[in-house]
């Protein structure tokens, strides 16, 4: 099987698991955001944090923007949550990010899903 961004995915997942094993569940999303920034740097993962994505509607750019938590390797969205459970609106959010960027792959990560980290691999099938 040919896995999309196999090596990059492996490294990103390693960083996610490292943060979870270091601090566990139950913190606010902002804590995980900051820890992941540090872990991505330590892991050598190129990333941008909270990059604004512009939205066009009928040829005009809207004032409102989207800000995915991370864009890694200039091609993978990483959206983090600290909620009891992933809900359909969280999945819709990352799908919208993938549509806007025309990226093929995203990770939806819930750090508060005790007793284990919940990582969802979302593939943009519209490309």
Protein backbone atom coordinates (compact mmCIF):
# COMPACT_ATOMS: atom_id res chain seq x y z
CA UNK A 1 0.00 0.00 0.00
CA UNK A 2 1.28 3.44 -0.93
CA UNK A 3 0.70 5.71 2.09
CA UNK A 4 0.52 9.44 1.40
CA UNK A 5 3.49 11.30 2.99
CA UNK A 6 4.63 8.14 4.78
CA UNK A 7 7.91 9.45 6.25
CA UNK A 8 6.55 12.88 7.17
CA UNK A 9 3.49 11.28 8.79
CA UNK A 10 5.69 8.99 10.85
CA UNK A 11 7.76 11.91 12.16
CA UNK A 12 4.69 14.06 12.92
CA UNK A 13 2.99 11.17 14.75
CA UNK A 14 6.16 10.62 16.76
CA UNK A 15 6.11 14.25 17.89
CA UNK A 16 2.42 14.00 18.81
CA UNK A 17 3.02 10.87 20.89
CA UNK A 18 6.04 12.47 22.55
CA UNK A 19 3.96 15.44 23.75
CA UNK A 20 1.20 13.13 24.96
CA UNK A 21 3.61 10.85 26.81
CA UNK A 22 5.32 13.87 28.38
CA UNK A 23 2.28 15.79 29.69
CA UNK A 24 -0.72 13.49 29.17
CA UNK A 25 -4.33 14.58 28.79
CA UNK A 26 -6.42 17.23 30.49
CA UNK A 27 -4.66 20.47 29.52
CA UNK A 28 -6.02 23.33 27.45
CA UNK A 29 -5.45 23.32 23.71
CA UNK A 30 -3.07 26.29 24.02
CA UNK A 31 -0.73 24.19 26.18
CA UNK A 32 -0.60 21.45 23.55
CA UNK A 33 -0.07 24.08 20.84
CA UNK A 34 2.99 25.44 22.64
CA UNK A 35 4.37 21.99 23.47
CA UNK A 36 3.98 20.87 19.85
CA UNK A 37 5.79 23.96 18.60
CA UNK A 38 8.73 22.99 20.80
CA UNK A 39 8.54 19.30 19.85
CA UNK A 40 8.29 20.03 16.12
CA UNK A 41 11.44 22.16 16.42
CA UNK A 42 13.23 19.40 18.34
CA UNK A 43 12.14 16.85 15.73
CA UNK A 44 13.28 19.01 12.81
CA UNK A 45 9.76 19.30 11.41
CA UNK A 46 9.33 22.44 9.29
CA UNK A 47 6.07 24.11 10.32
CA UNK A 48 4.07 27.29 10.53
CA UNK A 49 1.73 27.93 13.42
CA UNK A 50 -1.68 29.61 13.19
CA UNK A 51 -1.13 30.73 9.59
CA UNK A 52 -4.12 32.70 8.29
CA UNK A 53 -5.91 31.18 5.31
CA UNK A 54 -7.91 33.59 3.20
CA UNK A 55 -11.33 32.61 1.93
CA UNK A 56 -12.73 33.77 -1.39
CA UNK A 57 -16.40 34.02 -2.13
CA UNK A 58 -17.42 34.66 -5.73
CA UNK A 59 -14.09 36.26 -6.52
CA UNK A 60 -13.90 38.44 -3.41
CA UNK A 61 -11.71 37.82 -0.37
CA UNK A 62 -13.65 37.66 2.88
CA UNK A 63 -12.57 39.48 6.04
CA UNK A 64 -12.96 36.25 8.01
CA UNK A 65 -10.06 33.79 7.85
CA UNK A 66 -9.25 30.27 8.99
CA UNK A 67 -6.18 29.51 11.11
CA UNK A 68 -5.16 25.86 11.21
CA UNK A 69 -3.04 25.03 14.25
CA UNK A 70 -0.10 23.84 12.13
CA UNK A 71 0.99 23.42 8.56
CA UNK A 72 3.89 20.97 8.49
CA UNK A 73 6.23 20.33 5.57
CA UNK A 74 4.27 22.96 3.59
CA UNK A 75 1.75 20.23 2.80
CA UNK A 76 0.15 18.65 5.90
CA UNK A 77 -2.44 20.25 8.20
CA UNK A 78 -2.28 19.35 11.89
CA UNK A 79 -5.33 20.46 13.85
CA UNK A 80 -5.32 19.85 17.59
CA UNK A 81 -8.18 19.57 20.04
CA UNK A 82 -8.51 19.10 23.78
CA UNK A 83 -12.08 17.86 23.97
CA UNK A 84 -13.92 14.86 25.41
CA UNK A 85 -14.45 13.40 21.93
CA UNK A 86 -13.96 14.30 18.28
CA UNK A 87 -17.23 15.54 16.83
CA UNK A 88 -18.41 15.84 13.21
CA UNK A 89 -17.80 19.61 13.23
CA UNK A 90 -14.12 19.02 14.07
CA UNK A 91 -13.81 16.74 11.06
CA UNK A 92 -15.63 19.29 8.88
CA UNK A 93 -13.19 21.97 10.07
CA UNK A 94 -10.09 20.09 8.91
CA UNK A 95 -11.79 19.09 5.65
CA UNK A 96 -12.42 22.80 5.00
CA UNK A 97 -8.75 23.56 5.72
CA UNK A 98 -7.73 20.90 3.21
CA UNK A 99 -10.09 22.34 0.60
CA UNK A 100 -8.79 25.89 1.12
CA UNK A 101 -5.14 24.89 0.88
CA UNK A 102 -5.68 22.13 -1.70
CA UNK A 103 -3.51 19.92 0.53
CA UNK A 104 -4.09 16.19 0.43
CA UNK A 105 -3.47 15.24 4.06
CA UNK A 106 -4.41 16.41 7.53
CA UNK A 107 -4.22 15.07 11.07
CA UNK A 108 -6.98 15.78 13.56
CA UNK A 109 -5.55 15.16 17.03
CA UNK A 110 -7.42 15.02 20.34
CA UNK A 111 -5.15 15.20 23.36
CA UNK A 112 -7.99 14.81 25.87
CA UNK A 113 -9.17 11.37 24.79
CA UNK A 114 -8.05 9.47 27.88
CA UNK A 115 -6.49 6.88 28.12
CA UNK A 116 -4.85 7.27 24.71
CA UNK A 117 -4.12 9.90 22.11
CA UNK A 118 -6.72 10.07 19.32
CA UNK A 119 -5.13 10.78 15.92
CA UNK A 120 -7.37 10.85 12.84
CA UNK A 121 -5.80 10.83 9.41
CA UNK A 122 -7.98 12.87 7.01
CA UNK A 123 -7.34 12.65 3.27
CA UNK A 124 -8.68 15.23 0.83
CA UNK A 125 -10.42 13.03 -1.73
CA UNK A 126 -11.62 16.03 -3.78
CA UNK A 127 -8.25 16.48 -5.50
